[in-house]
């Protein structure tokens, strides 16, 4: 059934009255034979057009009449002929769809290399022309992906680079970072095949922009480092700054704070010299997270306020939201819950207006944390579940991990230990795939704490001992948590406290 040709030729017994009068006697009733009846009734020109259309994605996807005419190279009357024969479905004004079985049948008949060439020519020009029309491009995502597949198949490397580069803006705006990364990596390899230094640098800059958001999710160091060497050779200061911003974000999400700060500071010097406000805002945002994780809260606040003022001044609403999220988290850390709520509420209002999934999830996670600090655990769980769902939609591993840990802790508060364990185990599987030692240690800490509450003292000790081995050098907070957890296990084993005794708020952050 997975083989299209075999599937189409499967025959079934049927009474004579159920057979099409157009099907010759002696021909087994099958999808192939049934479709062939209609295929034989249309003109050769229409038949070739049908075969050309089969390179487009089938239902439930649809495509425009304009794209159909471009791919087939025929007049609209030929499309009408195919439609009248029942082989092409009308999907509303100016749109068509091809059923999967009919597409399979058409693909079996012949190869039409010219159709792929026409698809690449039309699709590349279409994406470039409408690069800023996100609503229009959103309806054509499947067709555009077919364009890029055709470009790879026909080795149209330059068209692939141009199309992906234009399409990347929509994918970033919609938070489709995983798909964007995949396509940009394909374009990067095409640029390497062409030996196009400028394209290599440009594409790496776009990959760097994704690192501003997904940092730990995407391993882009090789791309960014190679492009950075080339950009330095060319003396392209703006592109050097973009690449430094990408490297800074990547190192920040990996917990490499010293390297992250070095990249951000070098990028900031260049961005300030160029007067590039977008880059200054991005670098300040990344630097703010780096300094926050180093627990220098006074400096974090200064960096965030500088970045927020610039983002407001230059109407960069995405980074207004991100910086408000940073301020919200910072104010929670400092115990200023009213200020945190103001920042998070404003950020969430703007993020929903621009439909920016990543920042919405970030702000909701902050609201969940704030609600837990205020001991409103039901509301905290609701916010956190919403944040987790959005984080899953964007494949943002770090936030997924944080939300799973939060939901596990909230489940513990309800005494739902099995549910808490499920959240922690999922987080553990996910965190082993990236290089975020802080989150890895926190997952181990929570699993150790949960096992202690369940009376599994040996297993609890194993988790906390592994945590001690994984703690980054100099992180006194994690060291205190691990040793405190081991002390509680010892006290529980000696009977001085119950195994499920509360942890005095140690894990609320």
Protein backbone atom coordinates (compact mmCIF):
# COMPACT_ATOMS: atom_id res chain seq x y z
CA UNK A 1 0.00 0.00 0.00
CA UNK A 2 2.97 2.35 0.52
CA UNK A 3 4.04 1.79 -3.11
CA UNK A 4 2.02 4.15 -5.30
CA UNK A 5 2.10 1.96 -8.43
CA UNK A 6 1.13 -1.23 -6.58
CA UNK A 7 -1.61 0.62 -4.73
CA UNK A 8 -3.12 1.97 -7.93
CA UNK A 9 -3.11 -1.45 -9.61
CA UNK A 10 -4.83 -3.36 -6.78
CA UNK A 11 -7.94 -4.93 -8.30
CA UNK A 12 -11.22 -5.73 -6.58
CA UNK A 13 -14.11 -8.00 -7.62
CA UNK A 14 -17.27 -6.11 -8.50
CA UNK A 15 -20.62 -7.01 -10.08
CA UNK A 16 -20.99 -6.02 -13.73
CA UNK A 17 -23.52 -3.33 -12.89
CA UNK A 18 -20.94 -1.53 -10.67
CA UNK A 19 -18.43 -1.23 -13.50
CA UNK A 20 -18.02 1.93 -15.53
CA UNK A 21 -19.47 1.47 -19.03
CA UNK A 22 -16.28 3.09 -20.33
CA UNK A 23 -14.07 0.34 -18.83
CA UNK A 24 -13.31 -2.32 -21.49
CA UNK A 25 -14.36 -5.93 -20.72
CA UNK A 26 -11.65 -8.05 -19.14
CA UNK A 27 -9.86 -5.12 -17.45
CA UNK A 28 -9.77 -5.59 -13.63
CA UNK A 29 -11.47 -2.86 -11.67
CA UNK A 30 -8.71 -0.81 -9.99
CA UNK A 31 -7.88 2.81 -9.23
CA UNK A 32 -5.41 2.81 -12.12
CA UNK A 33 -7.97 1.49 -14.59
CA UNK A 34 -10.69 3.83 -13.35
CA UNK A 35 -8.53 6.96 -13.58
CA UNK A 36 -7.22 5.81 -16.97
CA UNK A 37 -10.77 5.98 -18.37
CA UNK A 38 -10.92 9.74 -17.70
CA UNK A 39 -7.31 10.21 -18.75
CA UNK A 40 -8.01 8.69 -22.17
CA UNK A 41 -10.94 11.03 -22.76
CA UNK A 42 -8.92 14.26 -22.55
CA UNK A 43 -6.62 15.74 -25.18
CA UNK A 44 -2.89 15.06 -25.31
CA UNK A 45 -2.25 18.66 -24.32
CA UNK A 46 -4.48 18.29 -21.24
CA UNK A 47 -2.88 14.94 -20.41
CA UNK A 48 0.59 16.49 -20.36
CA UNK A 49 -0.70 19.35 -18.24
CA UNK A 50 -2.15 16.86 -15.73
CA UNK A 51 1.19 15.09 -15.50
CA UNK A 52 2.91 18.43 -14.93
CA UNK A 53 0.48 19.32 -12.13
CA UNK A 54 1.37 16.09 -10.31
CA UNK A 55 4.67 17.64 -9.18
CA UNK A 56 2.68 19.94 -6.88
CA UNK A 57 1.63 18.68 -3.42
CA UNK A 58 -1.76 16.88 -3.57
CA UNK A 59 -4.82 17.35 -1.36
CA UNK A 60 -5.42 18.68 1.21
CA UNK A 61 -3.01 21.19 -0.36
CA UNK A 62 -4.36 23.52 -3.03
CA UNK A 63 -2.64 25.76 -5.57
CA UNK A 64 -3.54 28.90 -7.47
CA UNK A 65 -4.61 29.02 -11.08
CA UNK A 66 -1.62 31.25 -11.72
CA UNK A 67 0.77 28.58 -10.42
CA UNK A 68 -1.03 25.85 -12.38
CA UNK A 69 -0.70 27.81 -15.61
CA UNK A 70 2.96 28.55 -14.93
CA UNK A 71 3.84 24.91 -14.19
CA UNK A 72 1.89 23.46 -17.13
CA UNK A 73 2.59 26.17 -19.70
CA UNK A 74 -0.96 25.87 -21.08
CA UNK A 75 -3.96 28.18 -21.38
CA UNK A 76 -6.76 28.24 -18.81
CA UNK A 77 -9.10 26.36 -21.18
CA UNK A 78 -6.89 23.27 -20.81
CA UNK A 79 -7.29 23.41 -17.03
CA UNK A 80 -11.05 23.61 -17.57
CA UNK A 81 -10.85 20.46 -19.71
CA UNK A 82 -9.01 18.54 -16.98
CA UNK A 83 -11.47 19.81 -14.38
CA UNK A 84 -14.49 18.84 -16.49
CA UNK A 85 -13.06 15.31 -16.76
CA UNK A 86 -13.09 15.06 -12.97
CA UNK A 87 -9.31 14.88 -12.69
CA UNK A 88 -8.77 18.35 -11.19
CA UNK A 89 -10.81 19.67 -8.28
CA UNK A 90 -12.02 23.24 -7.94
CA UNK A 91 -11.17 24.63 -4.48
CA UNK A 92 -12.85 28.00 -4.73
CA UNK A 93 -12.17 31.10 -6.82
CA UNK A 94 -8.90 30.67 -8.69
CA UNK A 95 -7.68 27.60 -6.78
CA UNK A 96 -7.36 23.92 -7.59
CA UNK A 97 -6.40 20.66 -5.89
CA UNK A 98 -5.26 17.28 -7.16
CA UNK A 99 -6.36 14.12 -5.37
CA UNK A 100 -3.51 11.96 -4.04
CA UNK A 101 -4.46 8.92 -6.17
CA UNK A 102 -4.71 11.00 -9.34
CA UNK A 103 -1.36 12.61 -8.58
CA UNK A 104 0.16 9.14 -8.09
CA UNK A 105 -1.32 7.99 -11.41
CA UNK A 106 -0.02 11.05 -13.28
CA UNK A 107 3.49 10.67 -11.85
CA UNK A 108 3.64 7.08 -13.16
CA UNK A 109 3.08 8.10 -16.76
CA UNK A 110 6.17 10.13 -17.69
CA UNK A 111 8.90 12.48 -16.52
CA UNK A 112 8.43 16.14 -17.38
CA UNK A 113 11.70 17.92 -16.52
CA UNK A 114 10.43 21.15 -18.10
CA UNK A 115 7.65 21.30 -15.51
CA UNK A 116 10.20 21.32 -12.68
CA UNK A 117 12.14 24.08 -14.40
CA UNK A 118 8.98 26.16 -14.84
CA UNK A 119 8.00 25.56 -11.21
CA UNK A 120 11.39 26.78 -9.98
CA UNK A 121 11.30 29.88 -12.20
CA UNK A 122 7.76 30.81 -11.17
CA UNK A 123 8.12 29.93 -7.49
CA UNK A 124 11.40 31.78 -6.95
CA UNK A 125 10.05 34.95 -8.54
CA UNK A 126 6.79 34.62 -6.57
CA UNK A 127 8.52 34.35 -3.19
CA UNK A 128 10.83 37.27 -3.94
CA UNK A 129 7.97 39.46 -5.19
CA UNK A 130 5.73 38.74 -2.18
CA UNK A 131 8.43 38.38 0.52
CA UNK A 132 6.75 41.03 2.71
CA UNK A 133 3.18 39.69 2.24
CA UNK A 134 3.14 37.17 5.07
CA UNK A 135 -0.57 36.36 4.79
CA UNK A 136 -0.27 35.52 1.11
CA UNK A 137 2.86 33.41 1.52
CA UNK A 138 1.36 31.57 4.50
CA UNK A 139 -1.35 30.09 2.25
CA UNK A 140 1.30 28.81 -0.16
CA UNK A 141 3.83 27.25 2.24
CA UNK A 142 3.45 23.68 0.90
CA UNK A 143 3.74 24.85 -2.70
CA UNK A 144 6.80 26.94 -1.90
CA UNK A 145 8.45 23.95 -0.23
CA UNK A 146 7.77 22.04 -3.46
CA UNK A 147 9.56 24.83 -5.34
CA UNK A 148 12.64 24.43 -3.15
CA UNK A 149 12.55 20.63 -3.56
CA UNK A 150 12.39 21.08 -7.33
CA UNK A 151 15.32 23.51 -7.19
CA UNK A 152 17.42 20.92 -5.36
CA UNK A 153 16.34 18.18 -7.76
CA UNK A 154 17.26 20.24 -10.83
CA UNK A 155 20.42 21.66 -9.18
CA UNK A 156 19.16 25.23 -9.53
CA UNK A 157 21.39 26.33 -6.66
CA UNK A 158 21.12 30.07 -7.16
CA UNK A 159 17.32 29.96 -7.32
CA UNK A 160 17.23 27.86 -4.14
CA UNK A 161 19.40 30.42 -2.34
CA UNK A 162 17.31 33.36 -3.54
CA UNK A 163 13.99 31.71 -2.69
CA UNK A 164 15.01 30.50 0.76
CA UNK A 165 16.59 33.84 1.63
CA UNK A 166 13.34 35.68 0.79
CA UNK A 167 11.13 33.07 2.48
CA UNK A 168 13.15 33.12 5.72
CA UNK A 169 11.56 36.41 6.79
CA UNK A 170 8.07 34.88 6.89
CA UNK A 171 9.31 31.78 8.74
CA UNK A 172 11.00 33.93 11.36
CA UNK A 173 7.90 36.11 11.80
CA UNK A 174 5.70 33.01 12.23
CA UNK A 175 8.13 31.36 14.65
CA UNK A 176 8.77 28.42 12.26
CA UNK A 177 12.42 28.32 13.27
CA UNK A 178 13.05 24.61 12.77
CA UNK A 179 11.81 24.70 9.17
CA UNK A 180 13.73 27.93 8.57
CA UNK A 181 16.94 26.36 9.88
CA UNK A 182 16.51 23.30 7.66
CA UNK A 183 15.99 25.41 4.53
CA UNK A 184 18.83 27.80 5.34
CA UNK A 185 21.19 24.88 5.84
CA UNK A 186 20.19 23.58 2.39
CA UNK A 187 20.82 27.04 0.93
CA UNK A 188 24.18 27.20 2.74
CA UNK A 189 25.27 23.95 1.09
CA UNK A 190 24.11 25.29 -2.28
CA UNK A 191 26.22 28.41 -1.73
CA UNK A 192 29.20 26.19 -0.91
CA UNK A 193 28.69 24.27 -4.16
CA UNK A 194 28.62 27.57 -6.06
CA UNK A 195 31.63 28.87 -4.12
CA UNK A 196 29.65 32.06 -3.41
CA UNK A 197 31.35 33.75 -0.46
CA UNK A 198 28.74 36.49 -0.17
CA UNK A 199 25.86 34.02 -0.11
CA UNK A 200 27.64 31.93 2.53
CA UNK A 201 27.95 35.03 4.74
CA UNK A 202 24.38 36.22 4.11
CA UNK A 203 22.83 32.84 4.89
CA UNK A 204 24.97 32.43 8.01
CA UNK A 205 23.70 35.83 9.19
CA UNK A 206 20.12 34.52 8.89
CA UNK A 207 21.09 31.37 10.82
CA UNK A 208 22.56 33.68 13.42
CA UNK A 209 19.22 35.48 13.70
CA UNK A 210 17.55 32.15 14.51
CA UNK A 211 20.21 31.59 17.17
CA UNK A 212 19.01 34.85 18.79
CA UNK A 213 15.84 32.91 19.61
CA UNK A 214 16.64 29.21 19.63
CA UNK A 215 20.27 29.39 20.78
CA UNK A 216 20.71 25.96 22.33
CA UNK A 217 18.40 24.28 19.83
CA UNK A 218 20.47 24.65 16.70
CA UNK A 219 24.14 23.74 16.27
CA UNK A 220 25.22 26.60 14.01
CA UNK A 221 28.74 27.30 15.28
CA UNK A 222 30.38 25.78 12.20
CA UNK A 223 28.31 27.92 9.83
CA UNK A 224 28.79 31.09 11.85
CA UNK A 225 32.51 30.58 12.44
CA UNK A 226 33.23 29.88 8.78
CA UNK A 227 31.20 32.89 7.70
CA UNK A 228 32.84 35.05 10.39
CA UNK A 229 36.30 34.27 8.99
CA UNK A 230 35.09 35.18 5.48
CA UNK A 231 33.37 38.38 6.69
CA UNK A 232 36.53 39.48 8.52
CA UNK A 233 38.55 38.86 5.36
CA UNK A 234 36.12 41.03 3.41
CA UNK A 235 36.00 43.66 6.14
CA UNK A 236 32.19 43.64 6.18
CA UNK A 237 31.59 45.22 9.58
CA UNK A 238 27.79 44.93 9.60
CA UNK A 239 27.89 41.24 8.73
CA UNK A 240 30.65 40.66 11.29
CA UNK A 241 28.36 42.19 13.92
CA UNK A 242 25.40 40.00 12.82
CA UNK A 243 27.54 36.88 13.07
CA UNK A 244 28.92 37.93 16.46
CA UNK A 245 25.36 38.40 17.68
CA UNK A 246 24.52 34.88 16.53
CA UNK A 247 27.57 33.41 18.23
CA UNK A 248 26.82 35.37 21.40
CA UNK A 249 23.27 34.01 21.51
CA UNK A 250 24.42 30.46 20.85
CA UNK A 251 27.04 30.61 23.61
CA UNK A 252 24.58 32.27 26.02
CA UNK A 253 22.02 29.47 25.65
CA UNK A 254 24.79 26.88 26.11
CA UNK A 255 25.80 28.50 29.39
CA UNK A 256 29.21 29.64 28.08
CA UNK A 257 28.86 33.05 29.71
CA UNK A 258 32.40 34.39 29.29
CA UNK A 259 32.49 33.57 25.57
CA UNK A 260 28.95 34.88 25.08
CA UNK A 261 29.81 38.20 26.71
CA UNK A 262 32.99 38.54 24.64
CA UNK A 263 31.05 38.04 21.40
CA UNK A 264 28.31 40.46 22.49
CA UNK A 265 30.74 43.18 23.58
CA UNK A 266 32.71 42.99 20.33
CA UNK A 267 29.46 43.07 18.35
CA UNK A 268 28.18 46.04 20.36
CA UNK A 269 31.30 48.09 19.62
CA UNK A 270 30.80 47.55 15.89
CA UNK A 271 27.01 48.06 16.00
CA UNK A 272 27.38 51.34 17.90
CA UNK A 273 30.00 52.57 15.41
CA UNK A 274 27.66 51.70 12.54
CA UNK A 275 24.63 53.19 14.30
CA UNK A 276 22.78 49.92 13.60
CA UNK A 277 19.95 50.15 16.12
CA UNK A 278 18.50 46.70 15.37
CA UNK A 279 21.82 45.02 16.13
CA UNK A 280 22.38 47.10 19.26
CA UNK A 281 18.96 46.02 20.55
CA UNK A 282 19.60 42.34 19.76
CA UNK A 283 23.04 42.36 21.36
CA UNK A 284 21.78 44.15 24.47
CA UNK A 285 18.98 41.59 24.81
CA UNK A 286 21.42 38.68 24.57
CA UNK A 287 23.89 40.36 26.91
CA UNK A 288 21.06 40.97 29.39
CA UNK A 289 20.34 37.23 29.62
CA UNK A 290 24.06 36.46 30.01
CA UNK A 291 24.46 38.92 32.87
CA UNK A 292 21.16 37.77 34.45
CA UNK A 293 22.34 34.16 34.53
CA UNK A 294 25.55 35.38 36.18
CA UNK A 295 23.27 36.91 38.86
CA UNK A 296 24.49 40.46 38.33
CA UNK A 297 20.98 41.87 38.64
CA UNK A 298 21.85 45.56 38.87
CA UNK A 299 23.77 45.43 35.61
CA UNK A 300 21.02 43.31 34.02
CA UNK A 301 18.44 45.99 34.79
CA UNK A 302 20.60 48.73 33.24
CA UNK A 303 21.15 46.68 30.06
CA UNK A 304 17.46 45.81 29.73
CA UNK A 305 16.31 49.40 30.20
CA UNK A 306 18.79 50.64 27.58
CA UNK A 307 17.64 47.99 25.11
CA UNK A 308 13.95 48.60 25.86
CA UNK A 309 14.28 52.35 25.33
CA UNK A 310 15.92 51.76 21.94
CA UNK A 311 13.34 49.13 20.94
CA UNK A 312 10.48 51.51 21.80
CA UNK A 313 12.15 54.41 19.99
CA UNK A 314 12.65 52.39 16.79
CA UNK A 315 9.30 50.53 17.06
CA UNK A 316 10.89 47.08 17.23
CA UNK A 317 7.87 45.41 18.82
CA UNK A 318 9.37 41.91 18.89
CA UNK A 319 12.26 43.10 21.04
CA UNK A 320 10.05 45.33 23.16
CA UNK A 321 8.28 42.10 24.12
CA UNK A 322 11.49 40.15 24.68
CA UNK A 323 13.02 42.85 26.84
CA UNK A 324 9.81 43.21 28.85
CA UNK A 325 9.96 39.46 29.43
CA UNK A 326 13.53 39.85 30.67
CA UNK A 327 12.50 42.66 32.99
CA UNK A 328 9.56 40.61 34.23
CA UNK A 329 11.81 37.68 35.12
CA UNK A 330 14.31 40.05 36.73
CA UNK A 331 11.66 41.76 38.88
CA UNK A 332 10.37 38.36 40.04
CA UNK A 333 13.90 37.43 41.04
CA UNK A 334 14.22 40.69 42.96
CA UNK A 335 10.82 40.19 44.65
CA UNK A 336 9.17 43.15 42.92
CA UNK A 337 6.02 41.27 41.95
CA UNK A 338 3.96 44.35 41.04
CA UNK A 339 6.64 45.60 38.65
CA UNK A 340 6.98 42.10 37.18
CA UNK A 341 3.24 41.89 36.51
CA UNK A 342 3.21 45.28 34.77
CA UNK A 343 6.11 44.31 32.48
CA UNK A 344 4.71 40.87 31.65
CA UNK A 345 1.18 42.12 30.97
CA UNK A 346 2.39 44.86 28.62
CA UNK A 347 4.68 42.45 26.80
CA UNK A 348 1.94 39.86 26.39
CA UNK A 349 -0.49 42.41 24.95
CA UNK A 350 2.02 43.46 22.28
CA UNK A 351 3.20 39.90 21.55
CA UNK A 352 -0.38 38.79 20.89
CA UNK A 353 -0.92 41.76 18.58
CA UNK A 354 2.05 40.75 16.42
CA UNK A 355 1.29 37.00 16.85
CA UNK A 356 4.86 36.23 17.88
CA UNK A 357 4.67 32.72 19.32
CA UNK A 358 8.10 32.63 20.94
CA UNK A 359 7.67 35.82 22.94
CA UNK A 360 4.12 34.88 23.96
CA UNK A 361 5.43 31.60 25.40
CA UNK A 362 8.29 33.42 27.13
CA UNK A 363 5.93 35.93 28.73
CA UNK A 364 3.40 33.27 29.77
CA UNK A 365 6.20 31.32 31.43
CA UNK A 366 7.03 34.47 33.40
CA UNK A 367 3.41 34.85 34.43
CA UNK A 368 3.35 31.22 35.55
CA UNK A 369 6.45 31.78 37.68
CA UNK A 370 4.95 34.96 39.14
CA UNK A 371 1.70 33.17 40.00
CA UNK A 372 3.63 30.42 41.78
CA UNK A 373 5.52 33.03 43.82
CA UNK A 374 2.16 34.47 44.84
CA UNK A 375 1.08 30.89 45.74
CA UNK A 376 -1.69 30.96 43.14
CA UNK A 377 -0.80 27.46 41.98
CA UNK A 378 -3.88 26.77 39.84
CA UNK A 379 -3.26 29.90 37.77
CA UNK A 380 0.46 29.13 37.66
CA UNK A 381 -0.26 25.72 36.18
CA UNK A 382 -2.61 27.19 33.57
CA UNK A 383 -0.08 29.79 32.42
CA UNK A 384 2.69 27.19 32.36
CA UNK A 385 0.67 24.72 30.28
CA UNK A 386 -0.11 27.45 27.76
CA UNK A 387 3.58 28.40 27.59
CA UNK A 388 4.56 24.73 27.12
CA UNK A 389 2.10 24.24 24.26
CA UNK A 390 3.48 27.27 22.41
CA UNK A 391 7.08 26.24 23.14
CA UNK A 392 6.37 22.84 21.63
CA UNK A 393 4.93 24.52 18.51
CA UNK A 394 8.22 26.39 18.01
CA UNK A 395 10.44 23.46 19.08
CA UNK A 396 12.08 25.70 21.65
CA UNK A 397 13.79 23.04 23.77
CA UNK A 398 15.05 25.25 26.57
CA UNK A 399 11.66 26.72 27.36
CA UNK A 400 10.03 23.29 26.99
CA UNK A 401 12.46 21.98 29.61
CA UNK A 402 11.80 24.86 31.98
CA UNK A 403 8.04 24.45 31.66
CA UNK A 404 8.22 20.68 32.19
CA UNK A 405 10.23 21.26 35.38
CA UNK A 406 7.70 23.87 36.54
CA UNK A 407 4.74 21.57 35.82
CA UNK A 408 6.51 18.75 37.65
CA UNK A 409 7.04 20.95 40.70
CA UNK A 410 3.42 22.16 40.59
CA UNK A 411 2.23 18.54 40.35
CA UNK A 412 4.33 17.75 43.44
CA UNK A 413 2.54 20.55 45.27
CA UNK A 414 -0.72 18.70 44.56
CA UNK A 415 0.82 15.41 45.66
CA UNK A 416 0.54 14.03 42.11
CA UNK A 417 3.93 12.30 42.16
CA UNK A 418 3.35 10.07 39.11
CA UNK A 419 2.43 13.12 37.01
CA UNK A 420 5.47 15.02 38.33
CA UNK A 421 7.72 12.09 37.47
CA UNK A 422 6.38 11.99 33.89
CA UNK A 423 7.21 15.69 33.42
CA UNK A 424 10.71 15.30 34.89
CA UNK A 425 11.49 12.20 32.83
CA UNK A 426 10.46 13.95 29.61
CA UNK A 427 12.63 16.91 30.56
CA UNK A 428 15.57 14.59 31.28
CA UNK A 429 15.34 12.96 27.84
CA UNK A 430 15.16 16.35 26.17
CA UNK A 431 17.94 18.05 28.14
CA UNK A 432 20.45 15.31 27.34
CA UNK A 433 20.21 16.41 23.69
CA UNK A 434 21.62 19.89 24.31
CA UNK A 435 24.36 21.55 26.28
CA UNK A 436 22.53 23.41 29.00
CA UNK A 437 24.20 22.26 32.24
CA UNK A 438 22.08 24.44 34.54
CA UNK A 439 18.80 22.94 33.35
CA UNK A 440 20.30 19.43 33.36
CA UNK A 441 21.29 19.90 37.00
CA UNK A 442 17.84 21.24 37.92
CA UNK A 443 16.13 18.21 36.36
CA UNK A 444 18.42 15.90 38.35
CA UNK A 445 17.72 17.90 41.52
CA UNK A 446 13.95 17.64 41.10
CA UNK A 447 14.12 13.92 40.34
CA UNK A 448 16.27 13.42 43.44
CA UNK A 449 13.84 15.42 45.55
CA UNK A 450 10.85 13.49 44.19
CA UNK A 451 12.48 10.11 44.83
CA UNK A 452 13.24 11.19 48.40
CA UNK A 453 9.57 12.11 48.91
CA UNK A 454 8.66 8.67 47.54
CA UNK A 455 11.02 7.02 50.03
CA UNK A 456 13.44 5.82 47.33
CA UNK A 457 16.51 7.14 49.12
CA UNK A 458 19.20 5.26 47.17
CA UNK A 459 17.80 6.40 43.81
CA UNK A 460 17.44 9.96 45.15
CA UNK A 461 21.09 9.95 46.24
CA UNK A 462 22.19 8.70 42.80
CA UNK A 463 20.42 11.59 41.05
CA UNK A 464 21.96 14.21 43.36
CA UNK A 465 25.43 12.74 43.10
CA UNK A 466 25.16 12.90 39.31
CA UNK A 467 24.05 16.51 39.71
CA UNK A 468 27.22 17.28 41.72
CA UNK A 469 29.36 15.91 38.88
CA UNK A 470 27.55 18.05 36.28
CA UNK A 471 27.51 21.41 38.11
CA UNK A 472 29.48 24.07 36.18
CA UNK A 473 32.56 25.24 38.05
CA UNK A 474 31.84 28.06 40.47
CA UNK A 475 28.02 27.73 40.54
CA UNK A 476 27.48 28.02 44.28
CA UNK A 477 23.67 28.06 44.02
CA UNK A 478 23.54 24.63 42.39
CA UNK A 479 26.14 23.31 44.82
CA UNK A 480 24.00 24.48 47.75
CA UNK A 481 20.89 22.85 46.26
CA UNK A 482 22.66 19.53 45.71
CA UNK A 483 24.22 19.39 49.17
CA UNK A 484 20.95 20.54 50.77
CA UNK A 485 19.13 17.76 48.93
CA UNK A 486 21.62 15.15 50.14
CA UNK A 487 21.27 16.41 53.72
CA UNK A 488 17.49 16.01 53.53
CA UNK A 489 17.89 12.47 52.27
CA UNK A 490 20.17 11.69 55.23
CA UNK A 491 17.68 13.25 57.66
CA UNK A 492 14.80 11.31 56.12
CA UNK A 493 16.75 8.04 56.32
CA UNK A 494 17.51 8.66 59.99
CA UNK A 495 13.85 9.44 60.70
CA UNK A 496 14.48 13.06 61.73
CA UNK A 497 12.15 14.32 58.99
CA UNK A 498 9.51 12.65 56.80
CA UNK A 499 10.65 11.77 53.30
CA UNK A 500 7.89 13.92 51.83
CA UNK A 501 8.50 16.91 54.10
CA UNK A 502 8.35 20.26 52.32
CA UNK A 503 11.55 21.85 51.04
CA UNK A 504 11.06 25.35 52.42
CA UNK A 505 10.60 26.91 49.01
CA UNK A 506 14.05 25.88 47.76
CA UNK A 507 12.77 24.87 44.33
CA UNK A 508 10.29 27.64 43.58
CA UNK A 509 12.71 29.43 41.26
